[in-house]
Amino acid sequence: MKKSFLALSFLTFTLVFSSCREEKKSEEQVKEVEVVKEVEVEAKEDKGILERTAEKVDDEVNKEVNQEIEKIGDDN
């Protein structure tokens, strides 16, 4: 009798605390974010740094030469 009472109380105890227990629900909010990033890409030139620098210097020299020609004037 004692064994059946212990078995029945253990079974009741197990059913009460396992089947009726609510599981804690954790509310997780998942946000999907779409990031659009615009990046300006410089066109890659075929010329190297020395060639580009030489072109700038040539432009400056040409301007100076043109100014000197204008100072001298047109002899025609």
N, C-alpha and C. Protein backbone atom coordinates (compact mmCIF):
# COMPACT_ATOMS: atom_id res chain seq x y z
N MET A 1 0.83 -1.18 0.00
CA MET A 1 0.00 0.00 0.00
C MET A 1 0.88 1.26 0.00
N LYS A 2 1.93 1.21 0.77
CA LYS A 2 2.83 2.35 0.88
C LYS A 2 3.52 2.59 -0.47
N LYS A 3 3.91 1.51 -1.15
CA LYS A 3 4.59 1.65 -2.43
C LYS A 3 3.63 2.21 -3.49
N SER A 4 2.38 1.76 -3.48
CA SER A 4 1.42 2.26 -4.47
C SER A 4 1.10 3.73 -4.22
N PHE A 5 1.03 4.13 -2.94
CA PHE A 5 0.78 5.52 -2.60
C PHE A 5 1.95 6.39 -3.06
N LEU A 6 3.17 5.96 -2.82
CA LEU A 6 4.35 6.72 -3.25
C LEU A 6 4.41 6.81 -4.78
N ALA A 7 4.09 5.71 -5.47
CA ALA A 7 4.12 5.71 -6.93
C ALA A 7 3.05 6.64 -7.47
N LEU A 8 1.84 6.58 -6.88
CA LEU A 8 0.75 7.45 -7.32
C LEU A 8 1.06 8.91 -7.04
N SER A 9 1.62 9.23 -5.89
CA SER A 9 1.95 10.62 -5.56
C SER A 9 3.09 11.12 -6.46
N PHE A 10 4.07 10.25 -6.74
CA PHE A 10 5.16 10.64 -7.64
C PHE A 10 4.64 10.90 -9.06
N LEU A 11 3.72 10.04 -9.52
CA LEU A 11 3.12 10.21 -10.85
C LEU A 11 2.30 11.49 -10.91
N THR A 12 1.53 11.76 -9.88
CA THR A 12 0.72 12.98 -9.83
C THR A 12 1.62 14.21 -9.79
N PHE A 13 2.63 14.16 -8.98
CA PHE A 13 3.57 15.27 -8.85
C PHE A 13 4.25 15.56 -10.20
N THR A 14 4.63 14.51 -10.90
CA THR A 14 5.29 14.65 -12.19
C THR A 14 4.34 15.24 -13.23
N LEU A 15 3.12 14.77 -13.27
CA LEU A 15 2.15 15.28 -14.24
C LEU A 15 1.77 16.72 -13.98
N VAL A 16 1.64 17.07 -12.72
CA VAL A 16 1.23 18.43 -12.37
C VAL A 16 2.31 19.44 -12.78
N PHE A 17 3.54 19.15 -12.48
CA PHE A 17 4.59 20.12 -12.72
C PHE A 17 5.18 20.06 -14.14
N SER A 18 4.92 19.01 -14.86
CA SER A 18 5.49 18.95 -16.19
C SER A 18 4.49 19.33 -17.27
N SER A 19 3.26 18.88 -17.20
CA SER A 19 2.32 19.14 -18.29
C SER A 19 1.63 20.48 -18.17
N CYS A 20 1.49 21.00 -16.98
CA CYS A 20 0.75 22.24 -16.79
C CYS A 20 1.66 23.46 -16.71
N ARG A 21 2.91 23.22 -16.75
CA ARG A 21 3.83 24.34 -16.61
C ARG A 21 3.94 25.08 -17.94
N GLU A 22 3.80 26.37 -17.88
CA GLU A 22 3.91 27.17 -19.09
C GLU A 22 5.38 27.45 -19.37
N GLU A 23 5.69 27.38 -20.61
CA GLU A 23 7.05 27.71 -20.99
C GLU A 23 7.16 29.22 -21.14
N LYS A 24 8.25 29.74 -20.68
CA LYS A 24 8.46 31.16 -20.83
C LYS A 24 8.77 31.45 -22.28
N LYS A 25 8.01 32.35 -22.82
CA LYS A 25 8.23 32.71 -24.21
C LYS A 25 9.05 33.99 -24.25
N SER A 26 10.14 33.91 -24.92
CA SER A 26 10.93 35.11 -25.07
C SER A 26 10.57 35.72 -26.42
N GLU A 27 10.19 36.95 -26.36
CA GLU A 27 9.79 37.63 -27.58
C GLU A 27 11.01 38.29 -28.19
N GLU A 28 11.41 37.75 -29.28
CA GLU A 28 12.54 38.33 -30.00
C GLU A 28 12.02 38.97 -31.27
N GLN A 29 12.40 40.19 -31.43
CA GLN A 29 11.99 40.89 -32.63
C GLN A 29 13.17 40.91 -33.59
N VAL A 30 12.91 40.41 -34.75
CA VAL A 30 13.95 40.38 -35.77
C VAL A 30 13.62 41.44 -36.79
N LYS A 31 14.54 42.36 -36.94
CA LYS A 31 14.33 43.44 -37.90
C LYS A 31 15.28 43.22 -39.06
N GLU A 32 14.74 43.26 -40.23
CA GLU A 32 15.57 43.15 -41.41
C GLU A 32 15.80 44.55 -41.95
N VAL A 33 17.06 44.88 -42.10
CA VAL A 33 17.43 46.21 -42.55
C VAL A 33 18.22 46.06 -43.84
N GLU A 34 17.80 46.80 -44.83
CA GLU A 34 18.51 46.78 -46.10
C GLU A 34 19.30 48.06 -46.22
N VAL A 35 20.59 47.92 -46.38
CA VAL A 35 21.48 49.07 -46.46
C VAL A 35 21.94 49.24 -47.89
N VAL A 36 21.69 50.43 -48.40
CA VAL A 36 22.14 50.74 -49.75
C VAL A 36 23.20 51.80 -49.62
N LYS A 37 24.37 51.49 -50.11
CA LYS A 37 25.48 52.42 -49.98
C LYS A 37 26.00 52.73 -51.37
N GLU A 38 25.96 54.01 -51.70
CA GLU A 38 26.44 54.42 -53.01
C GLU A 38 27.88 54.89 -52.87
N VAL A 39 28.72 54.34 -53.69
CA VAL A 39 30.13 54.66 -53.63
C VAL A 39 30.55 55.18 -54.99
N GLU A 40 31.20 56.34 -54.96
CA GLU A 40 31.70 56.89 -56.21
C GLU A 40 33.06 56.26 -56.50
N VAL A 41 33.15 55.71 -57.66
CA VAL A 41 34.39 55.07 -58.05
C VAL A 41 35.03 55.89 -59.16
N GLU A 42 36.26 56.29 -58.91
CA GLU A 42 36.96 57.07 -59.91
C GLU A 42 37.36 56.15 -61.06
N ALA A 43 37.23 56.69 -62.24
CA ALA A 43 37.61 55.90 -63.41
C ALA A 43 39.11 55.70 -63.39
N LYS A 44 39.50 54.50 -63.54
CA LYS A 44 40.93 54.20 -63.52
C LYS A 44 41.52 54.62 -64.85
N GLU A 45 42.52 55.46 -64.76
CA GLU A 45 43.14 55.99 -65.97
C GLU A 45 44.29 55.09 -66.39
N ASP A 46 44.55 55.13 -67.70
CA ASP A 46 45.65 54.33 -68.22
C ASP A 46 46.99 55.01 -67.97
N LYS A 47 46.95 56.28 -67.64
CA LYS A 47 48.20 57.03 -67.46
C LYS A 47 48.66 56.93 -66.02
N GLY A 48 49.95 56.95 -65.84
CA GLY A 48 50.52 56.89 -64.50
C GLY A 48 50.60 58.27 -63.89
N ILE A 49 51.10 58.33 -62.68
CA ILE A 49 51.19 59.60 -61.95
C ILE A 49 52.15 60.57 -62.63
N LEU A 50 53.24 60.06 -63.18
CA LEU A 50 54.20 60.95 -63.84
C LEU A 50 53.61 61.57 -65.10
N GLU A 51 52.87 60.79 -65.85
CA GLU A 51 52.27 61.31 -67.09
C GLU A 51 51.21 62.36 -66.79
N ARG A 52 50.42 62.12 -65.74
CA ARG A 52 49.39 63.11 -65.38
C ARG A 52 50.03 64.39 -64.88
N THR A 53 51.09 64.27 -64.09
CA THR A 53 51.79 65.46 -63.58
C THR A 53 52.44 66.22 -64.73
N ALA A 54 53.01 65.50 -65.68
CA ALA A 54 53.64 66.15 -66.83
C ALA A 54 52.62 66.92 -67.64
N GLU A 55 51.41 66.39 -67.79
CA GLU A 55 50.36 67.10 -68.53
C GLU A 55 49.99 68.40 -67.82
N LYS A 56 49.90 68.38 -66.49
CA LYS A 56 49.58 69.61 -65.75
C LYS A 56 50.68 70.65 -65.91
N VAL A 57 51.92 70.19 -65.85
CA VAL A 57 53.05 71.11 -66.02
C VAL A 57 53.06 71.68 -67.43
N ASP A 58 52.78 70.83 -68.43
CA ASP A 58 52.72 71.31 -69.81
C ASP A 58 51.65 72.38 -69.99
N ASP A 59 50.50 72.17 -69.35
CA ASP A 59 49.43 73.16 -69.45
C ASP A 59 49.88 74.50 -68.86
N GLU A 60 50.55 74.45 -67.71
CA GLU A 60 51.02 75.68 -67.07
C GLU A 60 52.08 76.37 -67.94
N VAL A 61 52.97 75.59 -68.50
CA VAL A 61 54.01 76.17 -69.36
C VAL A 61 53.38 76.77 -70.61
N ASN A 62 52.42 76.10 -71.18
CA ASN A 62 51.74 76.63 -72.37
C ASN A 62 51.04 77.95 -72.07
N LYS A 63 50.43 78.07 -70.88
CA LYS A 63 49.80 79.33 -70.50
C LYS A 63 50.83 80.45 -70.40
N GLU A 64 51.97 80.15 -69.79
CA GLU A 64 53.02 81.16 -69.66
C GLU A 64 53.56 81.56 -71.03
N VAL A 65 53.74 80.60 -71.91
CA VAL A 65 54.24 80.89 -73.25
C VAL A 65 53.23 81.76 -74.00
N ASN A 66 51.97 81.44 -73.88
CA ASN A 66 50.93 82.23 -74.55
C ASN A 66 50.90 83.66 -74.02
N GLN A 67 51.09 83.83 -72.71
CA GLN A 67 51.12 85.18 -72.15
C GLN A 67 52.32 85.97 -72.68
N GLU A 68 53.47 85.34 -72.80
CA GLU A 68 54.66 86.02 -73.33
C GLU A 68 54.45 86.41 -74.80
N ILE A 69 53.79 85.50 -75.56
CA ILE A 69 53.52 85.82 -76.96
C ILE A 69 52.59 87.01 -77.07
N GLU A 70 51.60 87.08 -76.19
CA GLU A 70 50.66 88.21 -76.21
C GLU A 70 51.37 89.51 -75.83
N LYS A 71 52.33 89.42 -74.91
CA LYS A 71 53.09 90.62 -74.52
C LYS A 71 53.92 91.15 -75.69
N ILE A 72 54.51 90.25 -76.42
CA ILE A 72 55.34 90.66 -77.57
C ILE A 72 54.46 91.27 -78.65
N GLY A 73 53.31 90.68 -78.88
CA GLY A 73 52.39 91.24 -79.86
C GLY A 73 52.51 90.53 -81.19
N ASP A 74 51.62 90.90 -82.06
CA ASP A 74 51.58 90.32 -83.39
C ASP A 74 52.30 91.26 -84.34
N ASP A 75 53.38 90.79 -84.98
CA ASP A 75 54.19 91.61 -85.86
C ASP A 75 53.65 91.65 -87.29
N ASN A 76 52.65 90.99 -87.59
CA ASN A 76 52.15 90.97 -88.98
C ASN A 76 51.53 92.24 -89.33
